[in-house]
Amino acid sequence: MIKQNIKFLTTGQFLTFSHTCKNLSSDVRIQDLENHNRVDITIQLGLPFLLVIHGEDEKIARRMLKKYCA
Protein backbone atom coordinates (compact mmCIF):
# COMPACT_ATOMS: atom_id res chain seq x y z
CA MET A 1 0.00 0.00 0.00
CA ILE A 2 1.28 3.44 -0.94
CA LYS A 3 0.17 6.65 0.80
CA GLN A 4 1.13 10.14 -0.35
CA ASN A 5 -0.21 13.66 -0.11
CA ILE A 6 -1.86 14.89 -3.29
CA LYS A 7 -3.13 18.28 -4.47
CA PHE A 8 -5.06 19.42 -7.53
CA LEU A 9 -4.75 23.03 -8.66
CA THR A 10 -7.17 22.86 -11.62
CA THR A 11 -10.23 20.86 -12.61
CA GLY A 12 -8.26 19.69 -15.66
CA GLN A 13 -5.69 18.05 -13.40
CA PHE A 14 -8.42 16.24 -11.50
CA LEU A 15 -10.09 15.03 -14.70
CA THR A 16 -6.79 13.75 -16.10
CA PHE A 17 -6.06 12.05 -12.77
CA SER A 18 -9.48 10.36 -12.81
CA HIS A 19 -8.99 9.15 -16.38
CA THR A 20 -5.56 7.73 -15.50
CA CYS A 21 -6.98 5.87 -12.48
CA LYS A 22 -9.58 4.12 -14.64
CA ASN A 23 -6.75 2.36 -16.49
CA LEU A 24 -5.21 0.91 -13.31
CA SER A 25 -6.10 -2.36 -11.63
CA SER A 26 -5.11 -0.99 -8.19
CA ASP A 27 -7.66 0.57 -5.87
CA VAL A 28 -6.92 4.31 -5.89
CA ARG A 29 -8.59 6.48 -3.25
CA ILE A 30 -8.45 10.10 -2.23
CA GLN A 31 -9.03 10.69 1.48
CA ASP A 32 -9.40 13.72 3.70
CA LEU A 33 -6.15 14.34 5.61
CA GLU A 34 -7.81 14.94 8.98
CA ASN A 35 -10.35 12.15 9.36
CA HIS A 36 -9.34 9.88 6.45
CA ASN A 37 -12.87 9.82 5.00
CA ARG A 38 -12.98 8.91 1.34
CA VAL A 39 -13.54 11.84 -1.03
CA ASP A 40 -15.59 10.90 -4.09
CA ILE A 41 -16.90 13.85 -6.04
CA THR A 42 -16.40 17.04 -4.05
CA ILE A 43 -12.76 18.03 -3.88
CA GLN A 44 -11.44 21.49 -3.10
CA LEU A 45 -8.74 22.66 -5.47
CA GLY A 46 -5.46 23.74 -3.88
CA LEU A 47 -5.95 21.76 -0.65
CA PRO A 48 -3.90 18.66 0.16
CA PHE A 49 -5.54 15.23 0.39
CA LEU A 50 -4.21 11.74 1.02
CA LEU A 51 -3.71 9.47 -2.01
CA VAL A 52 -3.97 5.76 -1.14
CA ILE A 53 -3.00 3.16 -3.76
CA HIS A 54 -3.45 -0.55 -3.08
CA GLY A 55 -3.17 -3.38 -5.58
CA GLU A 56 -1.06 -5.27 -8.08
CA ASP A 57 0.20 -2.29 -10.05
CA GLU A 58 0.92 0.04 -7.10
CA LYS A 59 4.40 0.98 -8.28
CA ILE A 60 3.21 1.74 -11.81
CA ALA A 61 0.29 3.74 -10.40
CA ARG A 62 2.62 5.72 -8.15
CA ARG A 63 4.86 6.57 -11.11
CA MET A 64 1.90 7.61 -13.28
CA LEU A 65 0.29 9.72 -10.55
CA LYS A 66 3.39 11.28 -8.95
CA LYS A 67 2.95 14.55 -10.86
CA TYR A 68 -0.12 15.22 -8.67
CA CYS A 69 1.66 14.56 -5.38
CA ALA A 70 2.23 17.55 -3.14
C-alpha atoms as a PDB file:
ATOM      1  CA  MET A   1       0.000   0.000   0.000  1.00  0.00           C
ATOM      2  CA  ILE A   2       1.277   3.441  -0.942  1.00  0.00           C
ATOM      3  CA  LYS A   3       0.169   6.649   0.800  1.00  0.00           C
ATOM      4  CA  GLN A   4       1.132  10.141  -0.346  1.00  0.00           C
ATOM      5  CA  ASN A   5      -0.214  13.657  -0.109  1.00  0.00           C
ATOM      6  CA  ILE A   6      -1.862  14.891  -3.287  1.00  0.00           C
ATOM      7  CA  LYS A   7      -3.131  18.275  -4.465  1.00  0.00           C
ATOM      8  CA  PHE A   8      -5.064  19.419  -7.529  1.00  0.00           C
ATOM      9  CA  LEU A   9      -4.751  23.028  -8.657  1.00  0.00           C
ATOM     10  CA  THR A  10      -7.166  22.864 -11.616  1.00  0.00           C
ATOM     11  CA  THR A  11     -10.228  20.857 -12.615  1.00  0.00           C
ATOM     12  CA  GLY A  12      -8.255  19.694 -15.664  1.00  0.00           C
ATOM     13  CA  GLN A  13      -5.686  18.055 -13.403  1.00  0.00           C
ATOM     14  CA  PHE A  14      -8.415  16.242 -11.496  1.00  0.00           C
ATOM     15  CA  LEU A  15     -10.088  15.030 -14.697  1.00  0.00           C
ATOM     16  CA  THR A  16      -6.785  13.747 -16.097  1.00  0.00           C
ATOM     17  CA  PHE A  17      -6.055  12.047 -12.767  1.00  0.00           C
ATOM     18  CA  SER A  18      -9.481  10.359 -12.806  1.00  0.00           C
ATOM     19  CA  HIS A  19      -8.990   9.148 -16.380  1.00  0.00           C
ATOM     20  CA  THR A  20      -5.560   7.729 -15.502  1.00  0.00           C
ATOM     21  CA  CYS A  21      -6.981   5.874 -12.476  1.00  0.00           C
ATOM     22  CA  LYS A  22      -9.583   4.118 -14.640  1.00  0.00           C
ATOM     23  CA  ASN A  23      -6.752   2.361 -16.494  1.00  0.00           C
ATOM     24  CA  LEU A  24      -5.210   0.910 -13.313  1.00  0.00           C
ATOM     25  CA  SER A  25      -6.098  -2.361 -11.627  1.00  0.00           C
ATOM     26  CA  SER A  26      -5.112  -0.993  -8.194  1.00  0.00           C
ATOM     27  CA  ASP A  27      -7.658   0.573  -5.870  1.00  0.00           C
ATOM     28  CA  VAL A  28      -6.923   4.312  -5.891  1.00  0.00           C
ATOM     29  CA  ARG A  29      -8.593   6.483  -3.255  1.00  0.00           C
ATOM     30  CA  ILE A  30      -8.448  10.105  -2.229  1.00  0.00           C
ATOM     31  CA  GLN A  31      -9.025  10.689   1.481  1.00  0.00           C
ATOM     32  CA  ASP A  32      -9.403  13.719   3.704  1.00  0.00           C
ATOM     33  CA  LEU A  33      -6.149  14.341   5.613  1.00  0.00           C
ATOM     34  CA  GLU A  34      -7.808  14.945   8.979  1.00  0.00           C
ATOM     35  CA  ASN A  35     -10.354  12.155   9.364  1.00  0.00           C
ATOM     36  CA  HIS A  36      -9.342   9.882   6.453  1.00  0.00           C
ATOM     37  CA  ASN A  37     -12.866   9.824   5.001  1.00  0.00           C
ATOM     38  CA  ARG A  38     -12.979   8.906   1.337  1.00  0.00           C
ATOM     39  CA  VAL A  39     -13.535  11.841  -1.032  1.00  0.00           C
ATOM     40  CA  ASP A  40     -15.590  10.897  -4.094  1.00  0.00           C
ATOM     41  CA  ILE A  41     -16.901  13.852  -6.037  1.00  0.00           C
ATOM     42  CA  THR A  42     -16.402  17.039  -4.046  1.00  0.00           C
ATOM     43  CA  ILE A  43     -12.762  18.033  -3.884  1.00  0.00           C
ATOM     44  CA  GLN A  44     -11.441  21.489  -3.101  1.00  0.00           C
ATOM     45  CA  LEU A  45      -8.739  22.664  -5.471  1.00  0.00           C
ATOM     46  CA  GLY A  46      -5.461  23.735  -3.878  1.00  0.00           C
ATOM     47  CA  LEU A  47      -5.949  21.758  -0.651  1.00  0.00           C
ATOM     48  CA  PRO A  48      -3.902  18.661   0.164  1.00  0.00           C
ATOM     49  CA  PHE A  49      -5.540  15.233   0.389  1.00  0.00           C
ATOM     50  CA  LEU A  50      -4.206  11.736   1.016  1.00  0.00           C
ATOM     51  CA  LEU A  51      -3.712   9.472  -2.006  1.00  0.00           C
ATOM     52  CA  VAL A  52      -3.966   5.762  -1.139  1.00  0.00           C
ATOM     53  CA  ILE A  53      -2.999   3.163  -3.764  1.00  0.00           C
ATOM     54  CA  HIS A  54      -3.451  -0.547  -3.081  1.00  0.00           C
ATOM     55  CA  GLY A  55      -3.172  -3.378  -5.583  1.00  0.00           C
ATOM     56  CA  GLU A  56      -1.063  -5.274  -8.081  1.00  0.00           C
ATOM     57  CA  ASP A  57       0.201  -2.286 -10.047  1.00  0.00           C
ATOM     58  CA  GLU A  58       0.922   0.041  -7.096  1.00  0.00           C
ATOM     59  CA  LYS A  59       4.398   0.984  -8.283  1.00  0.00           C
ATOM     60  CA  ILE A  60       3.210   1.741 -11.813  1.00  0.00           C
ATOM     61  CA  ALA A  61       0.292   3.744 -10.401  1.00  0.00           C
ATOM     62  CA  ARG A  62       2.623   5.719  -8.154  1.00  0.00           C
ATOM     63  CA  ARG A  63       4.865   6.571 -11.112  1.00  0.00           C
ATOM     64  CA  MET A  64       1.900   7.608 -13.281  1.00  0.00           C
ATOM     65  CA  LEU A  65       0.290   9.717 -10.549  1.00  0.00           C
ATOM     66  CA  LYS A  66       3.387  11.276  -8.953  1.00  0.00           C
ATOM     67  CA  LYS A  67       2.949  14.548 -10.861  1.00  0.00           C
ATOM     68  CA  TYR A  68      -0.120  15.223  -8.670  1.00  0.00           C
ATOM     69  CA  CYS A  69       1.656  14.558  -5.377  1.00  0.00           C
ATOM     70  CA  ALA A  70       2.228  17.551  -3.143  1.00  0.00           C
END
